[in-house]
Amino acid sequence: MKPQASKWRKSSYSGENGGDCIELADLATVVGVRDSKDPEGPCLGVTRADFAAVTEVIKRG
């Protein structure tokens, strides 16, 4: 999956030091996830339900 004209966002918690970060994009039917250090690389498409479930697990620790 390699979407062309998407607006990718990086967490505001990410520093500007080029650390390990992911970027997210609203790709209409899925949430796109990619490595911020490799924006031309591959992209993972995750359903909104699965993304919400993962986010909840992360929030709980």
PDB file of N, CA and C in Angstrom:
ATOM      1  N   MET A   1       0.853  -1.170   0.000  1.00  0.00           N
ATOM      2  CA  MET A   1       0.000   0.000   0.000  1.00  0.00           C
ATOM      3  C   MET A   1       0.897   1.231   0.000  1.00  0.00           C
ATOM      4  N   LYS A   2       0.681   2.133  -0.946  1.00  0.00           N
ATOM      5  CA  LYS A   2       1.480   3.341  -1.023  1.00  0.00           C
ATOM      6  C   LYS A   2       0.607   4.509  -1.467  1.00  0.00           C
ATOM      7  N   PRO A   3      -0.107   5.134  -0.529  1.00  0.00           N
ATOM      8  CA  PRO A   3      -0.981   6.245  -0.885  1.00  0.00           C
ATOM      9  C   PRO A   3      -0.191   7.470  -1.314  1.00  0.00           C
ATOM     10  N   GLN A   4      -0.743   8.206  -2.246  1.00  0.00           N
ATOM     11  CA  GLN A   4      -0.044   9.353  -2.809  1.00  0.00           C
ATOM     12  C   GLN A   4      -0.294  10.659  -2.055  1.00  0.00           C
ATOM     13  N   ALA A   5      -1.520  11.127  -2.050  1.00  0.00           N
ATOM     14  CA  ALA A   5      -1.797  12.484  -1.574  1.00  0.00           C
ATOM     15  C   ALA A   5      -2.457  12.482  -0.199  1.00  0.00           C
ATOM     16  N   SER A   6      -1.809  11.921   0.766  1.00  0.00           N
ATOM     17  CA  SER A   6      -2.359  11.878   2.112  1.00  0.00           C
ATOM     18  C   SER A   6      -1.629  12.862   3.010  1.00  0.00           C
ATOM     19  N   LYS A   7      -2.355  13.379   3.981  1.00  0.00           N
ATOM     20  CA  LYS A   7      -1.717  14.249   4.967  1.00  0.00           C
ATOM     21  C   LYS A   7      -1.286  13.376   6.143  1.00  0.00           C
ATOM     22  N   TRP A   8      -0.009  13.216   6.290  1.00  0.00           N
ATOM     23  CA  TRP A   8       0.553  12.388   7.349  1.00  0.00           C
ATOM     24  C   TRP A   8       0.815  13.228   8.581  1.00  0.00           C
ATOM     25  N   ARG A   9       0.556  12.648   9.772  1.00  0.00           N
ATOM     26  CA  ARG A   9       0.753  13.364  11.030  1.00  0.00           C
ATOM     27  C   ARG A   9       1.651  12.542  11.946  1.00  0.00           C
ATOM     28  N   LYS A  10       2.520  13.249  12.636  1.00  0.00           N
ATOM     29  CA  LYS A  10       3.371  12.632  13.647  1.00  0.00           C
ATOM     30  C   LYS A  10       2.904  13.141  15.005  1.00  0.00           C
ATOM     31  N   SER A  11       2.989  12.323  16.013  1.00  0.00           N
ATOM     32  CA  SER A  11       2.540  12.697  17.351  1.00  0.00           C
ATOM     33  C   SER A  11       3.235  13.964  17.836  1.00  0.00           C
ATOM     34  N   SER A  12       2.491  14.784  18.558  1.00  0.00           N
ATOM     35  CA  SER A  12       3.089  15.987  19.144  1.00  0.00           C
ATOM     36  C   SER A  12       4.066  15.616  20.254  1.00  0.00           C
ATOM     37  N   TYR A  13       4.009  14.375  20.738  1.00  0.00           N
ATOM     38  CA  TYR A  13       4.942  13.891  21.751  1.00  0.00           C
ATOM     39  C   TYR A  13       6.294  13.520  21.143  1.00  0.00           C
ATOM     40  N   SER A  14       6.353  13.420  19.814  1.00  0.00           N
ATOM     41  CA  SER A  14       7.607  13.093  19.143  1.00  0.00           C
ATOM     42  C   SER A  14       8.520  14.304  19.138  1.00  0.00           C
ATOM     43  N   GLY A  15       9.767  14.092  19.431  1.00  0.00           N
ATOM     44  CA  GLY A  15      10.731  15.182  19.404  1.00  0.00           C
ATOM     45  C   GLY A  15      11.205  15.460  17.995  1.00  0.00           C
ATOM     46  N   GLU A  16      11.975  16.485  17.852  1.00  0.00           N
ATOM     47  CA  GLU A  16      12.537  16.850  16.552  1.00  0.00           C
ATOM     48  C   GLU A  16      13.905  16.214  16.329  1.00  0.00           C
ATOM     49  N   ASN A  17      14.281  15.278  17.190  1.00  0.00           N
ATOM     50  CA  ASN A  17      15.616  14.686  17.111  1.00  0.00           C
ATOM     51  C   ASN A  17      15.704  13.515  16.139  1.00  0.00           C
ATOM     52  N   GLY A  18      14.626  13.227  15.403  1.00  0.00           N
ATOM     53  CA  GLY A  18      14.678  12.153  14.420  1.00  0.00           C
ATOM     54  C   GLY A  18      14.633  10.776  15.036  1.00  0.00           C
ATOM     55  N   GLY A  19      14.021  10.648  16.196  1.00  0.00           N
ATOM     56  CA  GLY A  19      13.934   9.361  16.875  1.00  0.00           C
ATOM     57  C   GLY A  19      12.983   8.398  16.181  1.00  0.00           C
ATOM     58  N   ASP A  20      12.681   7.324  16.873  1.00  0.00           N
ATOM     59  CA  ASP A  20      11.793   6.301  16.334  1.00  0.00           C
ATOM     60  C   ASP A  20      10.354   6.777  16.426  1.00  0.00           C
ATOM     61  N   CYS A  21       9.772   7.130  15.302  1.00  0.00           N
ATOM     62  CA  CYS A  21       8.409   7.652  15.283  1.00  0.00           C
ATOM     63  C   CYS A  21       7.625   7.003  14.157  1.00  0.00           C
ATOM     64  N   ILE A  22       6.319   6.971  14.343  1.00  0.00           N
ATOM     65  CA  ILE A  22       5.449   6.576  13.252  1.00  0.00           C
ATOM     66  C   ILE A  22       4.616   7.783  12.869  1.00  0.00           C
ATOM     67  N   GLU A  23       4.088   7.736  11.663  1.00  0.00           N
ATOM     68  CA  GLU A  23       3.182   8.768  11.191  1.00  0.00           C
ATOM     69  C   GLU A  23       1.872   8.089  10.825  1.00  0.00           C
ATOM     70  N   LEU A  24       0.775   8.834  10.961  1.00  0.00           N
ATOM     71  CA  LEU A  24      -0.553   8.325  10.664  1.00  0.00           C
ATOM     72  C   LEU A  24      -1.216   9.186   9.610  1.00  0.00           C
ATOM     73  N   ALA A  25      -2.105   8.577   8.829  1.00  0.00           N
ATOM     74  CA  ALA A  25      -2.880   9.321   7.838  1.00  0.00           C
ATOM     75  C   ALA A  25      -4.274   8.728   7.738  1.00  0.00           C
ATOM     76  N   ASP A  26      -5.259   9.583   7.527  1.00  0.00           N
ATOM     77  CA  ASP A  26      -6.628   9.142   7.283  1.00  0.00           C
ATOM     78  C   ASP A  26      -6.720   8.797   5.806  1.00  0.00           C
ATOM     79  N   LEU A  27      -6.859   7.517   5.509  1.00  0.00           N
ATOM     80  CA  LEU A  27      -6.906   7.070   4.121  1.00  0.00           C
ATOM     81  C   LEU A  27      -8.311   6.624   3.735  1.00  0.00           C
ATOM     82  N   ALA A  28      -9.304   7.303   4.236  1.00  0.00           N
ATOM     83  CA  ALA A  28     -10.727   7.072   3.959  1.00  0.00           C
ATOM     84  C   ALA A  28     -11.228   5.785   4.607  1.00  0.00           C
ATOM     85  N   THR A  29     -10.811   4.635   4.143  1.00  0.00           N
ATOM     86  CA  THR A  29     -11.338   3.380   4.683  1.00  0.00           C
ATOM     87  C   THR A  29     -10.444   2.762   5.749  1.00  0.00           C
ATOM     88  N   VAL A  30      -9.201   3.205   5.838  1.00  0.00           N
ATOM     89  CA  VAL A  30      -8.258   2.676   6.830  1.00  0.00           C
ATOM     90  C   VAL A  30      -7.404   3.799   7.401  1.00  0.00           C
ATOM     91  N   VAL A  31      -6.695   3.491   8.471  1.00  0.00           N
ATOM     92  CA  VAL A  31      -5.693   4.397   9.021  1.00  0.00           C
ATOM     93  C   VAL A  31      -4.351   3.929   8.480  1.00  0.00           C
ATOM     94  N   GLY A  32      -3.635   4.817   7.818  1.00  0.00           N
ATOM     95  CA  GLY A  32      -2.311   4.484   7.295  1.00  0.00           C
ATOM     96  C   GLY A  32      -1.261   4.698   8.370  1.00  0.00           C
ATOM     97  N   VAL A  33      -0.317   3.774   8.464  1.00  0.00           N
ATOM     98  CA  VAL A  33       0.773   3.850   9.432  1.00  0.00           C
ATOM     99  C   VAL A  33       2.079   3.654   8.676  1.00  0.00           C
ATOM    100  N   ARG A  34       3.047   4.556   8.904  1.00  0.00           N
ATOM    101  CA  ARG A  34       4.344   4.410   8.243  1.00  0.00           C
ATOM    102  C   ARG A  34       5.465   4.893   9.160  1.00  0.00           C
ATOM    103  N   ASP A  35       6.681   4.545   8.818  1.00  0.00           N
ATOM    104  CA  ASP A  35       7.881   4.945   9.545  1.00  0.00           C
ATOM    105  C   ASP A  35       8.236   6.372   9.126  1.00  0.00           C
ATOM    106  N   SER A  36       8.332   7.274  10.091  1.00  0.00           N
ATOM    107  CA  SER A  36       8.626   8.675   9.752  1.00  0.00           C
ATOM    108  C   SER A  36      10.005   8.852   9.135  1.00  0.00           C
ATOM    109  N   LYS A  37      10.912   7.915   9.398  1.00  0.00           N
ATOM    110  CA  LYS A  37      12.259   8.020   8.830  1.00  0.00           C
ATOM    111  C   LYS A  37      12.311   7.522   7.385  1.00  0.00           C
ATOM    112  N   ASP A  38      11.228   6.879   6.905  1.00  0.00           N
ATOM    113  CA  ASP A  38      11.197   6.317   5.559  1.00  0.00           C
ATOM    114  C   ASP A  38       9.850   6.632   4.903  1.00  0.00           C
ATOM    115  N   PRO A  39       9.572   7.931   4.665  1.00  0.00           N
ATOM    116  CA  PRO A  39       8.259   8.307   4.147  1.00  0.00           C
ATOM    117  C   PRO A  39       7.939   7.739   2.761  1.00  0.00           C
ATOM    118  N   GLU A  40       8.930   7.350   2.019  1.00  0.00           N
ATOM    119  CA  GLU A  40       8.689   6.758   0.690  1.00  0.00           C
ATOM    120  C   GLU A  40       8.592   5.239   0.765  1.00  0.00           C
ATOM    121  N   GLY A  41       8.781   4.699   1.967  1.00  0.00           N
ATOM    122  CA  GLY A  41       8.735   3.255   2.157  1.00  0.00           C
ATOM    123  C   GLY A  41       7.310   2.735   2.253  1.00  0.00           C
ATOM    124  N   PRO A  42       7.169   1.518   2.724  1.00  0.00           N
ATOM    125  CA  PRO A  42       5.844   0.894   2.786  1.00  0.00           C
ATOM    126  C   PRO A  42       4.941   1.536   3.831  1.00  0.00           C
ATOM    127  N   CYS A  43       3.652   1.314   3.653  1.00  0.00           N
ATOM    128  CA  CYS A  43       2.622   1.834   4.537  1.00  0.00           C
ATOM    129  C   CYS A  43       1.715   0.671   4.928  1.00  0.00           C
ATOM    130  N   LEU A  44       1.353   0.621   6.185  1.00  0.00           N
ATOM    131  CA  LEU A  44       0.434  -0.397   6.684  1.00  0.00           C
ATOM    132  C   LEU A  44      -0.946   0.221   6.795  1.00  0.00           C
ATOM    133  N   GLY A  45      -1.956  -0.436   6.248  1.00  0.00           N
ATOM    134  CA  GLY A  45      -3.338   0.017   6.380  1.00  0.00           C
ATOM    135  C   GLY A  45      -4.038  -0.781   7.464  1.00  0.00           C
ATOM    136  N   VAL A  46      -4.588  -0.093   8.457  1.00  0.00           N
ATOM    137  CA  VAL A  46      -5.239  -0.737   9.598  1.00  0.00           C
ATOM    138  C   VAL A  46      -6.682  -0.246   9.668  1.00  0.00           C
ATOM    139  N   THR A  47      -7.626  -1.160   9.891  1.00  0.00           N
ATOM    140  CA  THR A  47      -9.017  -0.709  10.015  1.00  0.00           C
ATOM    141  C   THR A  47      -9.145   0.231  11.209  1.00  0.00           C
ATOM    142  N   ARG A  48     -10.127   1.091  11.160  1.00  0.00           N
ATOM    143  CA  ARG A  48     -10.341   2.040  12.258  1.00  0.00           C
ATOM    144  C   ARG A  48     -10.623   1.300  13.565  1.00  0.00           C
ATOM    145  N   ALA A  49     -11.385   0.227  13.491  1.00  0.00           N
ATOM    146  CA  ALA A  49     -11.706  -0.544  14.702  1.00  0.00           C
ATOM    147  C   ALA A  49     -10.443  -1.153  15.305  1.00  0.00           C
ATOM    148  N   ASP A  50      -9.598  -1.738  14.472  1.00  0.00           N
ATOM    149  CA  ASP A  50      -8.353  -2.324  14.977  1.00  0.00           C
ATOM    150  C   ASP A  50      -7.422  -1.256  15.533  1.00  0.00           C
ATOM    151  N   PHE A  51      -7.350  -0.117  14.864  1.00  0.00           N
ATOM    152  CA  PHE A  51      -6.496   0.967  15.343  1.00  0.00           C
ATOM    153  C   PHE A  51      -6.981   1.474  16.700  1.00  0.00           C
ATOM    154  N   ALA A  52      -8.288   1.623  16.849  1.00  0.00           N
ATOM    155  CA  ALA A  52      -8.854   2.072  18.121  1.00  0.00           C
ATOM    156  C   ALA A  52      -8.559   1.061  19.232  1.00  0.00           C
ATOM    157  N   ALA A  53      -8.648  -0.217  18.913  1.00  0.00           N
ATOM    158  CA  ALA A  53      -8.363  -1.263  19.907  1.00  0.00           C
ATOM    159  C   ALA A  53      -6.907  -1.224  20.347  1.00  0.00           C
ATOM    160  N   VAL A  54      -5.989  -1.084  19.408  1.00  0.00           N
ATOM    161  CA  VAL A  54      -4.564  -1.003  19.737  1.00  0.00           C
ATOM    162  C   VAL A  54      -4.284   0.241  20.579  1.00  0.00           C
ATOM    163  N   THR A  55      -4.883   1.350  20.211  1.00  0.00           N
ATOM    164  CA  THR A  55      -4.690   2.595  20.954  1.00  0.00           C
ATOM    165  C   THR A  55      -5.155   2.443  22.396  1.00  0.00           C
ATOM    166  N   GLU A  56      -6.274   1.785  22.610  1.00  0.00           N
ATOM    167  CA  GLU A  56      -6.773   1.569  23.975  1.00  0.00           C
ATOM    168  C   GLU A  56      -5.827   0.703  24.785  1.00  0.00           C
ATOM    169  N   VAL A  57      -5.276  -0.339  24.183  1.00  0.00           N
ATOM    170  CA  VAL A  57      -4.328  -1.204  24.877  1.00  0.00           C
ATOM    171  C   VAL A  57      -3.080  -0.413  25.266  1.00  0.00           C
ATOM    172  N   ILE A  58      -2.589   0.429  24.367  1.00  0.00           N
ATOM    173  CA  ILE A  58      -1.397   1.241  24.649  1.00  0.00           C
ATOM    174  C   ILE A  58      -1.688   2.221  25.790  1.00  0.00           C
ATOM    175  N   LYS A  59      -2.851   2.837  25.764  1.00  0.00           N
ATOM    176  CA  LYS A  59      -3.197   3.802  26.829  1.00  0.00           C
ATOM    177  C   LYS A  59      -3.231   3.145  28.205  1.00  0.00           C
ATOM    178  N   ARG A  60      -3.693   1.901  28.248  1.00  0.00           N
ATOM    179  CA  ARG A  60      -3.778   1.181  29.524  1.00  0.00           C
ATOM    180  C   ARG A  60      -2.429   0.694  30.031  1.00  0.00           C
ATOM    181  N   GLY A  61      -1.446   0.691  29.129  1.00  0.00           N
ATOM    182  CA  GLY A  61      -0.099   0.273  29.526  1.00  0.00           C
ATOM    183  C   GLY A  61       0.056  -1.182  29.425  1.00  0.00           C
TER     184      GLY A  61
END
